[in-house]
Structure formats: C-alpha cells, structure tokens
Amino acid sequence: MRIVVFSDSHGITAAMEAAIAQQKDAKLFIHLGDGLDEFKRLMSKYPNREYWCVRGNCDYTANEESTAYSWVKDVKLMLTHGHHWSVKCDLDELKLGAREKEARIALYGHTHVAHTEYEDGLYIMNPGSISCPKDTSSPSYGTIDLNGKNIVCNIVRMENYRGY
C-alpha cells in the first residue's frame, strides 16, 4: 500500500495536485499541517482516496488535533505537525512520544526540511514542505510503502516542478 505524506503547503495547492497526479496508485494521503484548508478542498476532488490530517500552528480555524495516532493495516503511525514536540531543536521528544504509544512510524512537519531516519524499530519522516522548502529550492513530499511487514519511507523531490 502506498501512502503519500504532505506538510506545510501554506495555501498553495498546485504542487500537491502535481504530486497526486504522480501518485495514481496511492490509497491514503496525509497532511501534517499548515495548509489544511487547501488540502481538504483538494481531497474533495478525489472521493475514492482516503485522507488524514493534523492541525499545524498556522491552521487557525482547523478543528483537528495537532497530534494523532492511527493504524494502517498492522502498523501504528504517529502524525503531528511537530510544533508541540520541539522538532526545531531535536527529535528526542517526538521519538519518545512515538515509542510511548508503540508507533512504528513517526511523521512530522513544521521545519520545512525533509528528513528520514530509522532508529531501533522506529521510522521517522518529515516530508519537507510541498510549497516553501528551506533545505532546497525543490518542494518535496514523502511516500511510505507498506508491504506485509516491510516499510519503506522515501522523500520525493519535485526537481522540475515550477508551478508555484
């Protein structure tokens, strides 16, 4: 199963639309905050796809929680924007929060910097920003492939994307 993860779109939908077009087989789309209004509008165009989201520090009118835990098949995910977990300093609090709830994957945003790592059974991913990255000039998003007990997390750079 393919999962696509966005964060920090900040009002810009064009890059998300391009990513959705690239990921035709994805079943689940996740947004980690700071752009929920446009994400929800965009996902309403795709009623055959599932989507989840959490509120970011700039999602002033959103009712969603800023951290959520959910299951995909037999894999527990932690979803958070990250501003309540001090992710701009280090990932220690985030890792602890994921481990306390027995999550296998911790997803966060907020920094606008793409990141993946694996540590003692925990996959950690920040998809970067789909609209205004701080680590490169290319927007990015994440993919997670779940195949049985195998988990593969990747960052997808939209190198040639110039539509925002």
N, C-alpha and C. Protein backbone atom coordinates (compact mmCIF):
# COMPACT_ATOMS: atom_id res chain seq x y z
N MET A 1 0.85 -1.18 0.00
CA MET A 1 0.00 0.00 0.00
C MET A 1 0.88 1.23 0.00
N ARG A 2 0.55 2.17 -0.84
CA ARG A 2 1.30 3.42 -0.93
C ARG A 2 0.57 4.52 -0.19
N ILE A 3 1.31 5.25 0.67
CA ILE A 3 0.81 6.40 1.41
C ILE A 3 1.62 7.61 0.97
N VAL A 4 0.97 8.73 0.72
CA VAL A 4 1.65 9.98 0.36
C VAL A 4 1.49 10.95 1.53
N VAL A 5 2.60 11.61 1.89
CA VAL A 5 2.60 12.49 3.06
C VAL A 5 3.03 13.90 2.63
N PHE A 6 2.18 14.88 2.94
CA PHE A 6 2.45 16.29 2.67
C PHE A 6 2.59 17.05 3.99
N SER A 7 3.26 18.18 3.92
CA SER A 7 3.26 19.11 5.04
C SER A 7 3.54 20.51 4.52
N ASP A 8 3.11 21.47 5.29
CA ASP A 8 3.48 22.87 5.08
C ASP A 8 3.23 23.37 3.65
N SER A 9 1.99 23.22 3.21
CA SER A 9 1.63 23.74 1.88
C SER A 9 1.29 25.22 1.91
N HIS A 10 0.91 25.75 3.05
CA HIS A 10 0.71 27.19 3.27
C HIS A 10 -0.07 27.87 2.15
N GLY A 11 -1.23 27.30 1.81
CA GLY A 11 -2.13 27.95 0.87
C GLY A 11 -1.91 27.63 -0.59
N ILE A 12 -0.91 26.85 -0.92
CA ILE A 12 -0.59 26.56 -2.32
C ILE A 12 -0.97 25.12 -2.64
N THR A 13 -1.88 24.94 -3.61
CA THR A 13 -2.34 23.59 -3.94
C THR A 13 -1.69 22.99 -5.18
N ALA A 14 -1.11 23.81 -6.03
CA ALA A 14 -0.61 23.31 -7.33
C ALA A 14 0.41 22.19 -7.17
N ALA A 15 1.33 22.30 -6.25
CA ALA A 15 2.34 21.26 -6.07
C ALA A 15 1.70 19.98 -5.54
N MET A 16 0.72 20.11 -4.64
CA MET A 16 0.03 18.90 -4.16
C MET A 16 -0.72 18.23 -5.30
N GLU A 17 -1.36 19.02 -6.15
CA GLU A 17 -2.07 18.44 -7.30
C GLU A 17 -1.11 17.70 -8.21
N ALA A 18 0.06 18.26 -8.44
CA ALA A 18 1.07 17.59 -9.27
C ALA A 18 1.52 16.29 -8.62
N ALA A 19 1.70 16.30 -7.31
CA ALA A 19 2.12 15.09 -6.60
C ALA A 19 1.03 14.01 -6.65
N ILE A 20 -0.22 14.41 -6.49
CA ILE A 20 -1.32 13.45 -6.58
C ILE A 20 -1.36 12.82 -7.97
N ALA A 21 -1.13 13.63 -9.00
CA ALA A 21 -1.09 13.11 -10.37
C ALA A 21 0.05 12.11 -10.54
N GLN A 22 1.19 12.34 -9.87
CA GLN A 22 2.32 11.41 -9.93
C GLN A 22 2.03 10.11 -9.19
N GLN A 23 1.18 10.16 -8.19
CA GLN A 23 0.96 9.02 -7.29
C GLN A 23 -0.44 8.43 -7.48
N LYS A 24 -0.73 8.00 -8.69
CA LYS A 24 -2.06 7.49 -9.03
C LYS A 24 -2.48 6.26 -8.23
N ASP A 25 -1.53 5.45 -7.78
CA ASP A 25 -1.85 4.22 -7.05
C ASP A 25 -1.94 4.40 -5.54
N ALA A 26 -1.64 5.59 -5.05
CA ALA A 26 -1.68 5.82 -3.61
C ALA A 26 -3.12 5.72 -3.11
N LYS A 27 -3.28 5.10 -1.96
CA LYS A 27 -4.60 4.91 -1.36
C LYS A 27 -4.90 5.91 -0.25
N LEU A 28 -3.84 6.38 0.42
CA LEU A 28 -4.01 7.26 1.58
C LEU A 28 -3.11 8.48 1.41
N PHE A 29 -3.67 9.66 1.66
CA PHE A 29 -2.92 10.91 1.64
C PHE A 29 -3.00 11.54 3.02
N ILE A 30 -1.86 11.96 3.53
CA ILE A 30 -1.77 12.54 4.87
C ILE A 30 -1.20 13.95 4.74
N HIS A 31 -1.79 14.88 5.47
CA HIS A 31 -1.23 16.24 5.54
C HIS A 31 -0.91 16.52 7.00
N LEU A 32 0.32 16.96 7.25
CA LEU A 32 0.81 17.17 8.61
C LEU A 32 0.69 18.61 9.09
N GLY A 33 -0.18 19.37 8.48
CA GLY A 33 -0.49 20.69 8.99
C GLY A 33 0.14 21.85 8.25
N ASP A 34 -0.40 23.03 8.54
CA ASP A 34 -0.08 24.29 7.88
C ASP A 34 -0.47 24.23 6.40
N GLY A 35 -1.78 24.10 6.23
CA GLY A 35 -2.36 24.07 4.89
C GLY A 35 -3.56 23.16 4.79
N LEU A 36 -4.27 22.96 5.89
CA LEU A 36 -5.38 22.01 5.89
C LEU A 36 -6.55 22.46 5.02
N ASP A 37 -6.84 23.74 4.97
CA ASP A 37 -7.98 24.19 4.17
C ASP A 37 -7.83 23.78 2.72
N GLU A 38 -6.68 24.08 2.13
CA GLU A 38 -6.49 23.73 0.72
C GLU A 38 -6.37 22.22 0.52
N PHE A 39 -5.80 21.52 1.49
CA PHE A 39 -5.70 20.06 1.39
C PHE A 39 -7.10 19.43 1.38
N LYS A 40 -7.97 19.87 2.26
CA LYS A 40 -9.33 19.32 2.30
C LYS A 40 -10.09 19.63 1.02
N ARG A 41 -9.95 20.85 0.50
CA ARG A 41 -10.61 21.20 -0.76
C ARG A 41 -10.09 20.31 -1.89
N LEU A 42 -8.80 20.12 -1.93
CA LEU A 42 -8.19 19.30 -2.97
C LEU A 42 -8.65 17.85 -2.86
N MET A 43 -8.66 17.30 -1.66
CA MET A 43 -9.03 15.91 -1.50
C MET A 43 -10.51 15.67 -1.79
N SER A 44 -11.34 16.71 -1.69
CA SER A 44 -12.76 16.53 -2.03
C SER A 44 -12.92 16.22 -3.52
N LYS A 45 -11.92 16.53 -4.32
CA LYS A 45 -11.95 16.19 -5.75
C LYS A 45 -11.66 14.71 -6.00
N TYR A 46 -11.16 14.01 -4.98
CA TYR A 46 -10.76 12.61 -5.12
C TYR A 46 -11.50 11.76 -4.10
N PRO A 47 -12.79 11.54 -4.29
CA PRO A 47 -13.58 10.84 -3.29
C PRO A 47 -13.20 9.37 -3.10
N ASN A 48 -12.45 8.80 -4.03
CA ASN A 48 -12.06 7.40 -3.92
C ASN A 48 -10.76 7.21 -3.13
N ARG A 49 -10.22 8.29 -2.60
CA ARG A 49 -8.98 8.22 -1.83
C ARG A 49 -9.26 8.58 -0.38
N GLU A 50 -8.53 7.94 0.51
CA GLU A 50 -8.66 8.25 1.93
C GLU A 50 -7.66 9.34 2.28
N TYR A 51 -8.02 10.20 3.22
CA TYR A 51 -7.06 11.20 3.67
C TYR A 51 -7.20 11.45 5.16
N TRP A 52 -6.05 11.75 5.77
CA TRP A 52 -5.97 12.09 7.19
C TRP A 52 -5.20 13.39 7.31
N CYS A 53 -5.42 14.11 8.39
CA CYS A 53 -4.65 15.33 8.60
C CYS A 53 -4.61 15.69 10.08
N VAL A 54 -3.59 16.46 10.42
CA VAL A 54 -3.46 17.05 11.75
C VAL A 54 -3.24 18.54 11.58
N ARG A 55 -3.58 19.28 12.61
CA ARG A 55 -3.51 20.74 12.59
C ARG A 55 -2.07 21.22 12.84
N GLY A 56 -1.67 22.22 12.09
CA GLY A 56 -0.38 22.87 12.31
C GLY A 56 -0.55 24.18 13.06
N ASN A 57 0.54 24.82 13.38
CA ASN A 57 0.49 26.07 14.13
C ASN A 57 -0.11 27.22 13.33
N CYS A 58 -0.23 27.10 12.01
CA CYS A 58 -0.85 28.14 11.18
C CYS A 58 -2.27 27.78 10.72
N ASP A 59 -2.79 26.65 11.17
CA ASP A 59 -4.15 26.24 10.81
C ASP A 59 -5.13 26.75 11.87
N TYR A 60 -5.34 28.04 11.85
CA TYR A 60 -6.07 28.73 12.93
C TYR A 60 -7.51 28.28 13.09
N THR A 61 -8.18 27.92 12.00
CA THR A 61 -9.60 27.58 12.09
C THR A 61 -9.86 26.07 12.11
N ALA A 62 -8.82 25.27 12.06
CA ALA A 62 -8.98 23.81 11.99
C ALA A 62 -9.41 23.22 13.34
N ASN A 63 -10.22 22.20 13.28
CA ASN A 63 -10.68 21.51 14.48
C ASN A 63 -9.87 20.26 14.79
N GLU A 64 -9.01 19.84 13.88
CA GLU A 64 -8.24 18.62 14.06
C GLU A 64 -7.24 18.77 15.21
N GLU A 65 -6.85 17.65 15.75
CA GLU A 65 -5.81 17.61 16.78
C GLU A 65 -4.46 17.93 16.12
N SER A 66 -3.49 18.34 16.92
CA SER A 66 -2.15 18.59 16.37
C SER A 66 -1.29 17.33 16.38
N THR A 67 -1.73 16.31 17.09
CA THR A 67 -1.07 15.00 17.08
C THR A 67 -2.15 13.93 17.08
N ALA A 68 -1.95 12.91 16.27
CA ALA A 68 -2.89 11.79 16.21
C ALA A 68 -2.11 10.50 16.02
N TYR A 69 -2.71 9.42 16.45
CA TYR A 69 -2.15 8.08 16.26
C TYR A 69 -3.19 7.26 15.53
N SER A 70 -2.77 6.52 14.53
CA SER A 70 -3.73 5.74 13.76
C SER A 70 -3.03 4.52 13.16
N TRP A 71 -3.84 3.58 12.74
CA TRP A 71 -3.34 2.32 12.20
C TRP A 71 -3.57 2.23 10.70
N VAL A 72 -2.59 1.70 9.99
CA VAL A 72 -2.73 1.27 8.61
C VAL A 72 -2.31 -0.19 8.62
N LYS A 73 -3.29 -1.03 8.34
CA LYS A 73 -3.08 -2.48 8.46
C LYS A 73 -2.62 -2.75 9.89
N ASP A 74 -1.46 -3.34 10.09
CA ASP A 74 -0.99 -3.62 11.45
C ASP A 74 0.16 -2.70 11.86
N VAL A 75 0.27 -1.54 11.23
CA VAL A 75 1.34 -0.58 11.52
C VAL A 75 0.73 0.67 12.14
N LYS A 76 1.20 1.03 13.32
CA LYS A 76 0.71 2.23 14.01
C LYS A 76 1.56 3.43 13.61
N LEU A 77 0.88 4.52 13.25
CA LEU A 77 1.54 5.75 12.85
C LEU A 77 1.25 6.85 13.85
N MET A 78 2.25 7.68 14.07
CA MET A 78 2.09 8.94 14.82
C MET A 78 2.14 10.06 13.78
N LEU A 79 1.12 10.91 13.78
CA LEU A 79 1.06 12.06 12.88
C LEU A 79 1.07 13.32 13.73
N THR A 80 1.96 14.24 13.42
CA THR A 80 1.98 15.50 14.13
C THR A 80 2.58 16.58 13.25
N HIS A 81 2.19 17.80 13.51
CA HIS A 81 2.86 18.89 12.83
C HIS A 81 4.26 19.06 13.42
N GLY A 82 4.36 18.96 14.72
CA GLY A 82 5.67 18.97 15.35
C GLY A 82 5.95 20.16 16.24
N HIS A 83 5.14 21.21 16.14
CA HIS A 83 5.43 22.41 16.93
C HIS A 83 5.28 22.19 18.43
N HIS A 84 4.51 21.19 18.84
CA HIS A 84 4.39 20.88 20.27
C HIS A 84 5.43 19.86 20.74
N TRP A 85 6.27 19.40 19.82
CA TRP A 85 7.26 18.37 20.14
C TRP A 85 8.69 18.88 19.99
N SER A 86 8.88 20.18 19.88
CA SER A 86 10.21 20.81 19.81
C SER A 86 11.07 20.26 18.68
N VAL A 87 10.46 19.97 17.52
CA VAL A 87 11.21 19.36 16.43
C VAL A 87 12.23 20.29 15.78
N LYS A 88 12.12 21.59 16.04
CA LYS A 88 13.14 22.50 15.51
C LYS A 88 14.43 22.44 16.33
N CYS A 89 14.36 21.85 17.52
CA CYS A 89 15.55 21.70 18.37
C CYS A 89 16.20 20.32 18.15
N ASP A 90 15.41 19.27 18.38
CA ASP A 90 15.86 17.90 18.15
C ASP A 90 14.62 17.01 18.08
N LEU A 91 14.83 15.73 17.85
CA LEU A 91 13.70 14.81 17.70
C LEU A 91 13.49 13.92 18.91
N ASP A 92 14.14 14.21 20.01
CA ASP A 92 14.05 13.35 21.19
C ASP A 92 12.62 13.23 21.73
N GLU A 93 11.92 14.35 21.88
CA GLU A 93 10.55 14.32 22.39
C GLU A 93 9.62 13.56 21.43
N LEU A 94 9.79 13.81 20.14
CA LEU A 94 8.98 13.14 19.13
C LEU A 94 9.18 11.62 19.21
N LYS A 95 10.41 11.19 19.27
CA LYS A 95 10.72 9.76 19.35
C LYS A 95 10.13 9.15 20.62
N LEU A 96 10.25 9.85 21.72
CA LEU A 96 9.68 9.35 22.97
C LEU A 96 8.16 9.24 22.88
N GLY A 97 7.52 10.25 22.31
CA GLY A 97 6.07 10.22 22.14
C GLY A 97 5.61 9.08 21.25
N ALA A 98 6.36 8.80 20.21
CA ALA A 98 6.02 7.69 19.31
C ALA A 98 6.21 6.36 20.02
N ARG A 99 7.32 6.22 20.72
CA ARG A 99 7.62 4.95 21.41
C ARG A 99 6.63 4.68 22.56
N GLU A 100 6.23 5.73 23.27
CA GLU A 100 5.27 5.56 24.37
C GLU A 100 3.94 5.00 23.87
N LYS A 101 3.56 5.35 22.66
CA LYS A 101 2.30 4.87 22.08
C LYS A 101 2.52 3.68 21.15
N GLU A 102 3.75 3.17 21.13
CA GLU A 102 4.12 1.99 20.34
C GLU A 102 3.89 2.18 18.84
N ALA A 103 4.15 3.39 18.34
CA ALA A 103 4.07 3.66 16.91
C ALA A 103 5.32 3.10 16.22
N ARG A 104 5.15 2.64 15.01
CA ARG A 104 6.29 2.17 14.21
C ARG A 104 6.79 3.26 13.27
N ILE A 105 5.91 4.24 12.97
CA ILE A 105 6.27 5.34 12.08
C ILE A 105 5.87 6.65 12.75
N ALA A 106 6.80 7.59 12.82
CA ALA A 106 6.52 8.94 13.35
C ALA A 106 6.66 9.93 12.20
N LEU A 107 5.58 10.64 11.90
CA LEU A 107 5.57 11.63 10.83
C LEU A 107 5.42 13.02 11.43
N TYR A 108 6.23 13.95 10.97
CA TYR A 108 6.16 15.32 11.47
C TYR A 108 6.49 16.30 10.36
N GLY A 109 6.13 17.56 10.57
CA GLY A 109 6.42 18.65 9.63
C GLY A 109 7.06 19.81 10.38
N HIS A 110 6.61 21.00 10.09
CA HIS A 110 6.95 22.24 10.80
C HIS A 110 8.30 22.84 10.42
N THR A 111 9.31 22.04 10.18
CA THR A 111 10.66 22.58 9.92
C THR A 111 10.88 22.97 8.47
N HIS A 112 10.04 22.47 7.56
CA HIS A 112 10.18 22.69 6.11
C HIS A 112 11.46 22.05 5.58
N VAL A 113 12.01 21.10 6.31
CA VAL A 113 13.23 20.39 5.92
C VAL A 113 12.92 18.90 5.87
N ALA A 114 13.11 18.29 4.71
CA ALA A 114 12.84 16.87 4.54
C ALA A 114 13.86 16.05 5.34
N HIS A 115 13.36 14.94 5.92
CA HIS A 115 14.23 14.11 6.77
C HIS A 115 13.64 12.71 6.88
N THR A 116 14.48 11.70 6.79
CA THR A 116 14.08 10.33 7.10
C THR A 116 15.19 9.69 7.91
N GLU A 117 14.78 8.83 8.83
CA GLU A 117 15.74 8.03 9.57
C GLU A 117 15.03 6.82 10.15
N TYR A 118 15.84 5.86 10.54
CA TYR A 118 15.34 4.66 11.19
C TYR A 118 16.17 4.45 12.44
N GLU A 119 15.49 4.26 13.57
CA GLU A 119 16.21 4.09 14.82
C GLU A 119 15.49 3.05 15.69
N ASP A 120 16.14 1.93 15.89
CA ASP A 120 15.63 0.90 16.80
C ASP A 120 14.15 0.59 16.60
N GLY A 121 13.77 0.28 15.38
CA GLY A 121 12.39 -0.12 15.09
C GLY A 121 11.43 1.01 14.78
N LEU A 122 11.89 2.26 14.85
CA LEU A 122 11.04 3.42 14.60
C LEU A 122 11.48 4.13 13.32
N TYR A 123 10.55 4.24 12.38
CA TYR A 123 10.78 5.02 11.17
C TYR A 123 10.32 6.45 11.45
N ILE A 124 11.15 7.42 11.07
CA ILE A 124 10.86 8.82 11.32
C ILE A 124 10.95 9.55 9.98
N MET A 125 9.91 10.35 9.68
CA MET A 125 9.94 11.08 8.41
C MET A 125 9.29 12.44 8.54
N ASN A 126 9.97 13.42 7.97
CA ASN A 126 9.42 14.75 7.71
C ASN A 126 9.44 14.88 6.19
N PRO A 127 8.29 15.05 5.54
CA PRO A 127 8.28 15.12 4.09
C PRO A 127 8.83 16.44 3.53
N GLY A 128 9.21 17.36 4.39
CA GLY A 128 9.63 18.68 3.94
C GLY A 128 8.40 19.50 3.61
N SER A 129 8.58 20.58 2.89
CA SER A 129 7.46 21.44 2.51
C SER A 129 7.12 21.23 1.05
N ILE A 130 5.83 21.07 0.78
CA ILE A 130 5.34 20.91 -0.59
C ILE A 130 5.24 22.26 -1.30
N SER A 131 5.45 23.37 -0.56
CA SER A 131 5.35 24.68 -1.21
C SER A 131 6.54 25.59 -0.97
N CYS A 132 7.15 25.56 0.20
CA CYS A 132 8.23 26.51 0.50
C CYS A 132 9.32 25.82 1.33
N PRO A 133 10.12 24.96 0.68
CA PRO A 133 11.16 24.23 1.40
C PRO A 133 12.29 25.14 1.87
N LYS A 134 12.90 24.76 2.98
CA LYS A 134 14.05 25.51 3.50
C LYS A 134 15.37 24.80 3.22
N ASP A 135 15.32 23.54 2.79
CA ASP A 135 16.55 22.79 2.58
C ASP A 135 17.02 22.78 1.12
N THR A 136 16.12 22.99 0.17
CA THR A 136 16.47 23.05 -1.26
C THR A 136 15.50 24.02 -1.92
N SER A 137 15.64 24.19 -3.20
CA SER A 137 14.68 25.02 -3.93
C SER A 137 13.53 24.18 -4.48
N SER A 138 13.56 22.86 -4.27
CA SER A 138 12.52 21.98 -4.79
C SER A 138 11.54 21.56 -3.69
N PRO A 139 10.25 21.70 -3.95
CA PRO A 139 9.29 21.20 -2.99
C PRO A 139 9.43 19.68 -2.87
N SER A 140 8.93 19.14 -1.77
CA SER A 140 9.05 17.69 -1.57
C SER A 140 7.83 17.16 -0.83
N TYR A 141 7.66 15.86 -0.93
CA TYR A 141 6.65 15.14 -0.18
C TYR A 141 7.22 13.77 0.13
N GLY A 142 6.53 13.03 0.97
CA GLY A 142 7.02 11.72 1.35
C GLY A 142 6.13 10.61 0.83
N THR A 143 6.72 9.43 0.67
CA THR A 143 5.93 8.24 0.38
C THR A 143 6.30 7.17 1.40
N ILE A 144 5.32 6.38 1.74
CA ILE A 144 5.52 5.23 2.60
C ILE A 144 4.91 4.04 1.88
N ASP A 145 5.69 3.01 1.69
CA ASP A 145 5.19 1.78 1.10
C ASP A 145 5.14 0.71 2.16
N LEU A 146 3.94 0.16 2.37
CA LEU A 146 3.74 -0.93 3.32
C LEU A 146 3.44 -2.18 2.52
N ASN A 147 4.28 -3.19 2.71
CA ASN A 147 4.11 -4.45 2.01
C ASN A 147 4.37 -5.56 3.01
N GLY A 148 3.31 -6.07 3.60
CA GLY A 148 3.47 -7.05 4.66
C GLY A 148 4.14 -6.39 5.85
N LYS A 149 5.25 -6.94 6.29
CA LYS A 149 5.99 -6.36 7.41
C LYS A 149 7.06 -5.36 6.95
N ASN A 150 7.20 -5.19 5.64
CA ASN A 150 8.19 -4.27 5.10
C ASN A 150 7.65 -2.85 5.06
N ILE A 151 8.48 -1.91 5.51
CA ILE A 151 8.15 -0.49 5.50
C ILE A 151 9.28 0.24 4.78
N VAL A 152 8.93 1.03 3.79
CA VAL A 152 9.92 1.83 3.07
C VAL A 152 9.43 3.27 3.02
N CYS A 153 10.23 4.18 3.59
CA CYS A 153 9.92 5.61 3.60
C CYS A 153 10.88 6.33 2.66
N ASN A 154 10.34 7.20 1.81
CA ASN A 154 11.16 7.96 0.87
C ASN A 154 10.70 9.40 0.79
N ILE A 155 11.65 10.25 0.44
CA ILE A 155 11.36 11.65 0.13
C ILE A 155 11.36 11.77 -1.39
N VAL A 156 10.33 12.42 -1.93
CA VAL A 156 10.24 12.66 -3.37
C VAL A 156 10.45 14.15 -3.60
N ARG A 157 11.52 14.47 -4.29
CA ARG A 157 11.81 15.87 -4.66
C ARG A 157 11.16 16.17 -5.99
N MET A 158 10.50 17.28 -6.06
CA MET A 158 9.86 17.71 -7.30
C MET A 158 10.83 18.65 -8.02
N GLU A 159 11.93 18.08 -8.47
CA GLU A 159 13.07 18.84 -9.04
C GLU A 159 12.67 19.77 -10.17
N ASN A 160 11.84 19.29 -11.05
CA ASN A 160 11.50 20.08 -12.24
C ASN A 160 10.19 20.84 -12.10
N TYR A 161 9.63 20.82 -10.91
CA TYR A 161 8.35 21.48 -10.69
C TYR A 161 8.56 22.99 -10.57
N ARG A 162 7.85 23.76 -11.36
CA ARG A 162 7.97 25.22 -11.32
C ARG A 162 6.60 25.88 -11.31
N GLY A 163 5.58 25.18 -10.81
CA GLY A 163 4.23 25.68 -10.91
C GLY A 163 3.72 26.47 -9.73
N TYR A 164 4.53 26.80 -8.76
CA TYR A 164 4.02 27.51 -7.59
C TYR A 164 4.45 28.94 -7.56
